[in-house]
Amino acid sequence: MIRRVFALVLALAGPAAAQTPDVPVDGAGVDAAAGAMGRVIVDVAELRAGPGKAYVSRGRVYQGDEVEILKGADIGGWMEVLAAGGARGWLQRDAVKITPGAKSTRTSRVDEQFTYDDKGRRIGPDGRPIGSGEGARRTETPEDFDLDSFEDGAAVVTPGESTPWGLSVRLGAGATLIRRGFNTNAPADSLLRTLESKPLGYGFDLEVGYRPIDYLAVRALFRDARFTETKLQTPTYNGGQPFGLAVDAQQAELDLVGRFPILDGWVGAYAGGRFWRQGYRQVQPTPLFLTTTWLGLGAGGALGWAFGPVDVAGRGGIVLPFDVSQTPQSSGEADPFGFGASAEVAWSFLPQLAVVGHWHYSTLTTDFTGPATHVDATLDREGPAYSQGQSVDSLHGGGLGVRWTP
């Protein structure tokens, strides 16, 4: 009797057990056998050449795109898929929702609006790659470059990456501390013995970047700080009362920049020309500070990192002026040397626009030797006022701006 009851239970349970699917229908990240279909559930995902983020990108898929599973998710949570347009690569299983038994439509609403190139990039009617964040950032990572196309220089453009000939324009405003310390071996009672000025100026900076080919870019920067004055007080001027001395400063840079992608960022080097002018209003009978202009070269290193829509970049190096001019007089033969550094954080809130916070610091130390025509007229003496001097000039500031990538 017990055997008959047990056999009856097995007979009733058998059909139900046979109808249980091998792969769950709902939920992302489930294992799937080859031939199953899935749908992308994240905004955008890279198709890797292998089962890991370290592999180069073979293209990308977007939310709602269908993919065909070629190999199940049995290698560290990765599965090989075939996407629309023929792009083939590896996706993390969490990026795909498996739909067992579904057949490929291949003519989805998305595919009817867009086409795909041989790298799996979505192409708009104008022939340019488009999609989630296309053109929003200008960083390069190893997965952005297709090693198979290295010889012809073709790069796979990732979300936010511009075309190789991309242009960017940044306009910012902020504050800059304009400092000069001036020391000489002039007589102890001379106004030119020791001087210091460090007013806070306000101005703007304009930066333009242009990349004609992969890994190489041209960068131009102009910075202007003014709308300020330094307060001085000496027995000789203004009846011994404090007076204001207008101060302004300008910098210009033109660099050739080389960049090489590494992980989620890049490293590189730059070299180019430098212009720096620090101007002071003249006073009589003795000009206290001389307006000085430096022309020279700059070189150094740079790096950047991408955190989604946020980019962080920094640079630093040396400055070697080869020409120094002063007006209305001269402090003697000049021997200058300096360095500079800058950093920025950019948030791409639209594909072509980003808010940028920027910081900069630069300094030049100029040693003067030989007779100076910079004479203290308040002293009853003849001849040079000093034979040795040193000027330490620096600009230190920052601000906010907007970067546009047309």
Protein backbone atom coordinates (compact mmCIF):
# COMPACT_ATOMS: atom_id res chain seq x y z
CA MET A 1 0.00 0.00 0.00
CA ILE A 2 2.82 2.45 0.94
CA ARG A 3 4.60 1.70 -2.33
CA ARG A 4 1.46 2.53 -4.33
CA VAL A 5 1.01 5.89 -2.53
CA PHE A 6 4.68 6.80 -3.07
CA ALA A 7 4.46 5.96 -6.77
CA LEU A 8 1.31 8.08 -7.09
CA VAL A 9 3.08 11.13 -5.51
CA LEU A 10 6.01 10.80 -7.91
CA ALA A 11 3.64 10.58 -10.87
CA LEU A 12 1.83 13.75 -9.86
CA ALA A 13 5.06 15.73 -9.12
CA GLY A 14 6.86 14.69 -12.29
CA PRO A 15 5.11 16.98 -14.83
CA ALA A 16 5.45 20.00 -12.55
CA ALA A 17 9.14 19.38 -12.08
CA ALA A 18 9.65 18.97 -15.80
CA GLN A 19 8.13 22.41 -16.42
CA THR A 20 10.58 24.20 -14.10
CA PRO A 21 12.85 26.38 -16.28
CA ASP A 22 16.60 25.88 -16.05
CA VAL A 23 17.21 29.67 -16.07
CA PRO A 24 15.19 32.17 -14.03
CA VAL A 25 13.14 34.54 -16.15
CA ASP A 26 13.44 37.58 -13.94
CA GLY A 27 16.46 39.39 -12.50
CA ALA A 28 19.74 40.57 -13.96
CA GLY A 29 22.96 38.70 -13.63
CA VAL A 30 21.67 35.13 -13.87
CA ASP A 31 23.66 32.45 -15.66
CA ALA A 32 22.55 31.76 -19.20
CA ALA A 33 23.33 29.05 -21.67
CA ALA A 34 24.68 29.83 -25.14
CA GLY A 35 21.93 30.90 -27.51
CA ALA A 36 19.83 32.70 -24.91
CA MET A 37 18.84 36.32 -25.44
CA GLY A 38 19.25 39.24 -23.06
CA ARG A 39 18.53 42.94 -22.80
CA VAL A 40 20.93 45.59 -21.49
CA ILE A 41 19.64 47.22 -18.28
CA VAL A 42 22.42 49.78 -17.59
CA ASP A 43 22.87 53.13 -19.31
CA VAL A 44 25.97 52.03 -21.22
CA ALA A 45 28.40 49.14 -20.99
CA GLU A 46 31.69 48.34 -22.72
CA LEU A 47 32.12 45.17 -24.76
CA ARG A 48 35.52 43.90 -23.63
CA ALA A 49 37.89 41.73 -25.64
CA GLY A 50 38.01 39.31 -22.69
CA PRO A 51 36.34 38.55 -19.37
CA GLY A 52 37.67 41.51 -17.37
CA LYS A 53 37.90 45.30 -17.28
CA ALA A 54 41.61 45.15 -18.14
CA TYR A 55 40.77 44.06 -21.71
CA VAL A 56 40.41 46.65 -24.47
CA SER A 57 37.00 47.77 -25.65
CA ARG A 58 35.44 46.27 -28.78
CA GLY A 59 32.49 48.62 -28.76
CA ARG A 60 29.56 49.26 -26.45
CA VAL A 61 25.91 48.56 -25.84
CA TYR A 62 23.21 50.80 -24.43
CA GLN A 63 20.16 50.39 -22.23
CA GLY A 64 17.45 48.49 -24.06
CA ASP A 65 19.77 46.90 -26.61
CA GLU A 66 19.38 43.17 -27.24
CA VAL A 67 22.37 40.84 -27.05
CA GLU A 68 22.77 37.18 -27.91
CA ILE A 69 24.60 35.07 -25.33
CA LEU A 70 27.51 33.19 -26.90
CA LYS A 71 29.06 31.87 -23.69
CA GLY A 72 27.39 31.63 -20.31
CA ALA A 73 28.51 33.63 -17.26
CA ASP A 74 30.94 31.06 -15.93
CA ILE A 75 34.15 33.13 -16.00
CA GLY A 76 34.19 35.49 -13.06
CA GLY A 77 30.71 36.83 -13.71
CA TRP A 78 31.39 37.68 -17.37
CA MET A 79 29.67 36.33 -20.48
CA GLU A 80 30.43 36.65 -24.16
CA VAL A 81 27.70 38.26 -26.24
CA LEU A 82 26.91 39.34 -29.78
CA ALA A 83 25.37 42.81 -29.96
CA ALA A 84 23.48 44.66 -32.65
CA GLY A 85 25.71 45.70 -35.52
CA GLY A 86 27.88 42.60 -35.16
CA ALA A 87 29.98 43.82 -32.23
CA ARG A 88 31.17 40.85 -30.19
CA GLY A 89 32.68 40.95 -26.72
CA TRP A 90 32.36 40.23 -23.01
CA LEU A 91 29.85 41.88 -20.65
CA GLN A 92 29.41 41.66 -16.91
CA ARG A 93 26.33 39.60 -16.26
CA ASP A 94 24.88 42.29 -13.95
CA ALA A 95 24.49 44.52 -16.99
CA VAL A 96 22.10 42.15 -18.79
CA LYS A 97 18.67 40.77 -17.97
CA ILE A 98 18.24 37.29 -19.43
CA THR A 99 15.03 36.54 -21.34
CA PRO A 100 14.99 32.73 -21.89
CA GLY A 101 13.26 31.60 -25.03
CA ALA A 102 13.16 35.08 -26.56
CA LYS A 103 14.13 35.50 -30.18
CA SER A 104 16.31 38.27 -31.50
CA THR A 105 14.35 41.14 -33.07
CA ARG A 106 17.47 42.91 -34.49
CA THR A 107 15.11 45.60 -35.80
CA SER A 108 14.29 47.25 -32.51
CA ARG A 109 13.16 50.83 -32.34
CA VAL A 110 16.69 51.86 -31.37
CA ASP A 111 18.28 50.05 -34.30
CA GLU A 112 15.81 51.62 -36.72
CA GLN A 113 16.96 55.08 -35.67
CA PHE A 114 20.70 54.42 -35.57
CA THR A 115 23.33 52.39 -37.37
CA TYR A 116 26.52 50.83 -35.99
CA ASP A 117 30.02 50.84 -37.39
CA ASP A 118 32.41 47.86 -37.43
CA LYS A 119 33.59 48.75 -33.91
CA GLY A 120 30.10 48.57 -32.44
CA ARG A 121 29.79 52.35 -32.02
CA ARG A 122 26.32 53.84 -32.44
CA ILE A 123 26.32 56.28 -35.38
CA GLY A 124 23.86 59.14 -35.84
CA PRO A 125 22.50 60.60 -39.10
CA ASP A 126 25.49 62.97 -39.30
CA GLY A 127 27.93 60.05 -39.27
CA ARG A 128 29.37 60.81 -35.81
CA PRO A 129 29.29 58.49 -32.77
CA ILE A 130 26.48 59.39 -30.39
CA GLY A 131 24.90 57.95 -27.28
CA SER A 132 25.06 58.17 -23.52
CA GLY A 133 27.53 60.95 -22.79
CA GLU A 134 29.25 60.94 -26.21
CA GLY A 135 31.49 63.98 -26.45
CA ALA A 136 31.07 64.95 -22.79
CA ARG A 137 34.64 64.21 -21.67
CA ARG A 138 38.05 64.27 -23.28
CA THR A 139 39.86 61.62 -21.33
CA GLU A 140 41.41 58.51 -22.80
CA THR A 141 41.79 55.11 -21.16
CA PRO A 142 43.38 51.88 -22.39
CA GLU A 143 39.99 50.42 -23.21
CA ASP A 144 39.30 53.39 -25.50
CA PHE A 145 41.96 52.29 -27.97
CA ASP A 146 41.56 49.33 -30.26
CA LEU A 147 44.95 47.63 -30.53
CA ASP A 148 43.93 45.95 -33.78
CA SER A 149 43.67 49.36 -35.44
CA PHE A 150 46.81 50.89 -33.92
CA GLU A 151 48.60 51.13 -37.25
CA ASP A 152 45.96 53.31 -38.86
CA GLY A 153 45.43 55.37 -35.71
CA ALA A 154 41.73 54.58 -35.38
CA ALA A 155 40.53 54.91 -31.78
CA VAL A 156 37.32 53.50 -30.34
CA VAL A 157 35.50 56.47 -28.82
CA THR A 158 34.11 55.84 -25.36
CA PRO A 159 31.24 57.68 -23.67
CA GLY A 160 32.33 61.26 -23.20
CA GLU A 161 35.36 61.02 -25.48
CA SER A 162 35.66 63.46 -28.33
CA THR A 163 36.78 62.69 -31.82
CA PRO A 164 40.59 62.78 -32.33
CA TRP A 165 40.36 66.26 -33.82
CA GLY A 166 38.37 67.58 -30.85
CA LEU A 167 38.39 71.23 -29.77
CA SER A 168 37.75 72.55 -26.24
CA VAL A 169 37.40 76.09 -24.92
CA ARG A 170 37.44 77.02 -21.23
CA LEU A 171 36.62 80.48 -19.87
CA GLY A 172 37.04 81.10 -16.16
CA ALA A 173 37.07 83.91 -13.63
CA GLY A 174 38.63 84.13 -10.20
CA ALA A 175 41.15 85.72 -7.87
CA THR A 176 44.95 85.72 -7.94
CA LEU A 177 47.49 86.79 -5.32
CA ILE A 178 50.11 88.90 -7.14
CA ARG A 179 53.24 88.84 -5.00
CA ARG A 180 56.66 90.41 -5.40
CA GLY A 181 59.48 90.44 -2.89
CA PHE A 182 62.46 92.64 -3.82
CA ASN A 183 65.77 92.71 -1.92
CA THR A 184 69.05 94.41 -2.83
CA ASN A 185 72.39 95.42 -1.35
CA ALA A 186 71.41 99.09 -1.51
CA PRO A 187 72.29 101.24 1.50
CA ALA A 188 70.23 100.52 4.60
CA ASP A 189 68.47 103.90 4.40
CA SER A 190 67.44 103.40 0.75
CA LEU A 191 63.84 102.76 -0.27
CA LEU A 192 65.16 100.06 -2.61
CA ARG A 193 66.75 97.99 0.15
CA THR A 194 63.69 95.77 0.83
CA LEU A 195 60.25 95.94 -0.78
CA GLU A 196 57.26 93.59 -0.71
CA SER A 197 53.90 93.69 -2.44
CA LYS A 198 51.15 91.04 -2.38
CA PRO A 199 47.75 92.41 -3.40
CA LEU A 200 44.82 90.19 -4.36
CA GLY A 201 43.81 90.71 -7.98
CA TYR A 202 40.73 89.67 -9.90
CA GLY A 203 40.51 88.66 -13.52
CA PHE A 204 39.86 85.88 -16.00
CA ASP A 205 41.63 83.12 -17.91
CA LEU A 206 40.97 81.64 -21.33
CA GLU A 207 42.23 78.19 -22.33
CA VAL A 208 41.89 76.57 -25.75
CA GLY A 209 42.83 72.97 -26.53
CA TYR A 210 43.00 71.32 -29.94
CA ARG A 211 43.93 67.72 -30.70
CA PRO A 212 44.82 67.20 -34.39
CA ILE A 213 45.89 63.55 -33.97
CA ASP A 214 45.74 60.82 -31.33
CA TYR A 215 48.05 61.25 -28.34
CA LEU A 216 49.01 64.80 -29.36
CA ALA A 217 47.35 68.13 -28.54
CA VAL A 218 48.00 71.87 -28.67
CA ARG A 219 47.12 73.96 -25.60
CA ALA A 220 46.98 77.76 -25.36
CA LEU A 221 46.30 79.74 -22.17
CA PHE A 222 45.95 83.44 -21.40
CA ARG A 223 45.50 84.75 -17.86
CA ASP A 224 44.91 88.36 -16.79
CA ALA A 225 44.77 89.57 -13.15
CA ARG A 226 44.09 93.19 -12.24
CA PHE A 227 41.54 95.45 -10.47
CA THR A 228 43.79 95.72 -7.44
CA GLU A 229 46.43 97.87 -5.75
CA THR A 230 49.04 97.41 -3.05
CA LYS A 231 49.19 99.73 -0.05
CA LEU A 232 52.58 101.32 0.71
CA GLN A 233 53.81 103.83 3.25
CA THR A 234 57.17 105.65 3.18
CA PRO A 235 58.34 108.99 4.60
CA THR A 236 59.14 110.22 1.08
CA TYR A 237 55.82 109.73 -0.67
CA ASN A 238 52.42 111.30 -0.06
CA GLY A 239 53.58 113.19 3.00
CA GLY A 240 54.27 109.95 4.84
CA GLN A 241 50.65 108.80 4.43
CA PRO A 242 49.71 105.38 2.93
CA PHE A 243 49.11 105.37 -0.80
CA GLY A 244 47.93 102.85 -3.36
CA LEU A 245 50.05 101.44 -6.16
CA ALA A 246 48.13 99.81 -9.02
CA VAL A 247 49.28 96.29 -9.89
CA ASP A 248 48.38 93.93 -12.73
CA ALA A 249 49.78 90.69 -14.16
CA GLN A 250 49.42 88.67 -17.36
CA GLN A 251 50.53 85.18 -18.33
CA ALA A 252 50.41 83.34 -21.65
CA GLU A 253 51.32 79.73 -22.44
CA LEU A 254 51.49 77.78 -25.69
CA ASP A 255 52.25 74.07 -25.31
CA LEU A 256 52.54 70.92 -27.33
CA VAL A 257 51.14 68.09 -25.18
CA GLY A 258 51.63 64.35 -25.54
CA ARG A 259 49.27 62.00 -23.65
CA PHE A 260 49.20 58.24 -23.21
CA PRO A 261 46.22 56.39 -21.66
CA ILE A 262 46.67 54.29 -18.54
CA LEU A 263 43.84 52.56 -16.65
CA ASP A 264 41.01 55.11 -16.22
CA GLY A 265 43.27 58.08 -16.84
CA TRP A 266 46.31 59.26 -18.72
CA VAL A 267 49.86 60.51 -18.25
CA GLY A 268 51.79 62.83 -20.47
CA ALA A 269 54.34 65.59 -20.95
CA TYR A 270 54.29 69.11 -22.32
CA ALA A 271 56.70 71.74 -23.62
CA GLY A 272 56.18 75.21 -25.02
CA GLY A 273 56.59 78.96 -24.77
CA ARG A 274 55.97 81.23 -21.76
CA PHE A 275 55.15 84.91 -21.34
CA TRP A 276 54.81 86.64 -17.97
CA ARG A 277 54.37 90.33 -17.24
CA GLN A 278 54.02 91.91 -13.82
CA GLY A 279 53.15 95.62 -14.02
CA TYR A 280 53.32 98.40 -11.42
CA ARG A 281 52.20 102.01 -11.65
CA GLN A 282 55.13 104.42 -11.73
CA VAL A 283 55.68 106.83 -8.87
CA GLN A 284 58.07 109.75 -8.59
CA PRO A 285 60.75 110.66 -7.81
CA THR A 286 61.79 106.99 -7.49
CA PRO A 287 59.96 104.07 -9.13
CA LEU A 288 59.65 101.58 -6.29
CA PHE A 289 58.76 98.51 -8.36
CA LEU A 290 59.77 98.04 -11.98
CA THR A 291 57.35 96.55 -14.52
CA THR A 292 59.06 93.31 -15.58
CA THR A 293 58.42 90.99 -18.54
CA TRP A 294 59.81 87.47 -18.95
CA LEU A 295 59.91 85.40 -22.14
CA GLY A 296 60.99 81.79 -22.03
CA LEU A 297 60.23 78.09 -22.20
CA GLY A 298 58.32 75.71 -19.97
CA ALA A 299 58.29 71.91 -19.75
CA GLY A 300 56.91 69.29 -17.39
CA GLY A 301 54.55 66.42 -16.82
CA ALA A 302 50.78 66.06 -16.60
CA LEU A 303 48.23 63.45 -15.59
CA GLY A 304 44.47 63.00 -15.42
CA TRP A 305 41.83 60.63 -14.11
CA ALA A 306 38.17 60.10 -14.93
CA PHE A 307 35.45 59.34 -12.37
CA GLY A 308 32.39 59.00 -14.57
CA PRO A 309 31.31 62.52 -15.60
CA VAL A 310 34.01 64.07 -13.37
CA ASP A 311 37.55 64.61 -14.65
CA VAL A 312 40.55 65.51 -12.49
CA ALA A 313 43.78 66.74 -14.08
CA GLY A 314 47.04 68.27 -12.92
CA ARG A 315 50.34 69.48 -14.39
CA GLY A 316 53.62 70.84 -13.15
CA GLY A 317 57.09 71.70 -14.40
CA ILE A 318 59.88 74.22 -14.72
CA VAL A 319 60.07 77.63 -16.38
CA LEU A 320 63.28 78.84 -18.03
CA PRO A 321 63.09 82.49 -19.14
CA PHE A 322 65.71 83.53 -21.70
CA ASP A 323 64.78 87.22 -21.96
CA VAL A 324 63.98 89.68 -19.17
CA SER A 325 63.07 93.31 -19.74
CA GLN A 326 62.23 96.07 -17.24
CA THR A 327 60.74 99.55 -17.41
CA PRO A 328 61.24 102.43 -16.78
CA GLN A 329 64.67 101.42 -15.44
CA SER A 330 66.75 98.25 -15.02
CA SER A 331 67.95 96.19 -12.05
CA GLY A 332 70.98 94.88 -13.93
CA GLU A 333 71.78 91.61 -15.69
CA ALA A 334 69.06 89.03 -14.96
CA ASP A 335 69.34 85.29 -14.22
CA PRO A 336 65.82 83.86 -13.74
CA PHE A 337 64.45 80.41 -12.93
CA GLY A 338 61.00 79.22 -11.89
CA PHE A 339 58.33 76.57 -11.87
CA GLY A 340 54.58 76.32 -12.15
CA ALA A 341 51.72 73.95 -11.38
CA SER A 342 47.99 73.84 -11.99
CA ALA A 343 45.03 71.54 -11.41
CA GLU A 344 41.37 71.37 -12.34
CA VAL A 345 38.22 69.41 -11.59
CA ALA A 346 35.57 69.32 -14.32
CA TRP A 347 31.99 68.04 -14.10
CA SER A 348 30.29 67.35 -17.44
CA PHE A 349 26.64 68.21 -16.81
CA LEU A 350 25.82 68.21 -20.53
CA PRO A 351 27.48 66.42 -23.47
CA GLN A 352 29.18 69.63 -24.61
CA LEU A 353 29.42 71.64 -21.39
CA ALA A 354 31.30 71.19 -18.12
CA VAL A 355 31.73 73.24 -14.97
CA VAL A 356 35.43 73.58 -14.12
CA GLY A 357 37.14 74.53 -10.89
CA HIS A 358 40.76 75.49 -11.49
CA TRP A 359 43.84 76.32 -9.38
CA HIS A 360 47.24 77.63 -10.43
CA TYR A 361 50.58 78.57 -8.90
CA SER A 362 53.71 79.90 -10.56
CA THR A 363 56.84 81.55 -9.27
CA LEU A 364 59.99 83.09 -10.75
CA THR A 365 63.19 83.93 -8.86
CA THR A 366 65.35 86.44 -10.71
CA ASP A 367 68.86 87.28 -9.53
CA PHE A 368 70.21 90.65 -10.71
CA THR A 369 73.94 91.43 -10.89
CA GLY A 370 75.93 94.37 -12.16
CA PRO A 371 75.24 98.11 -12.01
CA ALA A 372 71.54 98.97 -11.84
CA THR A 373 69.97 102.06 -13.40
CA HIS A 374 67.21 101.72 -10.84
CA VAL A 375 68.30 104.62 -8.63
CA ASP A 376 66.86 105.93 -5.37
CA ALA A 377 66.50 109.66 -6.16
CA THR A 378 65.60 110.48 -2.57
CA LEU A 379 69.21 109.89 -1.48
CA ASP A 380 71.90 112.51 -1.96
CA ARG A 381 74.26 110.09 -3.66
CA GLU A 382 75.52 109.44 -7.17
CA GLY A 383 76.11 106.18 -8.99
CA PRO A 384 74.24 102.85 -8.98
CA ALA A 385 71.84 102.29 -6.10
CA TYR A 386 72.79 98.60 -5.84
CA SER A 387 74.95 95.98 -7.57
CA GLN A 388 73.08 92.85 -6.45
CA GLY A 389 69.39 92.17 -6.11
CA GLN A 390 66.81 89.44 -6.12
CA SER A 391 63.15 89.53 -7.14
CA VAL A 392 60.76 86.72 -6.22
CA ASP A 393 57.53 86.98 -8.18
CA SER A 394 54.56 84.64 -7.89
CA LEU A 395 50.94 84.27 -8.97
CA HIS A 396 48.70 82.04 -6.87
CA GLY A 397 44.97 81.74 -7.36
CA GLY A 398 41.96 79.92 -8.72
CA GLY A 399 38.34 80.22 -9.72
CA LEU A 400 35.44 78.71 -11.61
CA GLY A 401 34.67 78.46 -15.29
CA VAL A 402 32.85 76.67 -18.07
CA ARG A 403 34.37 74.37 -20.68
CA TRP A 404 32.73 73.98 -24.08
CA THR A 405 33.50 71.11 -26.47
CA PRO A 406 31.79 71.80 -29.81
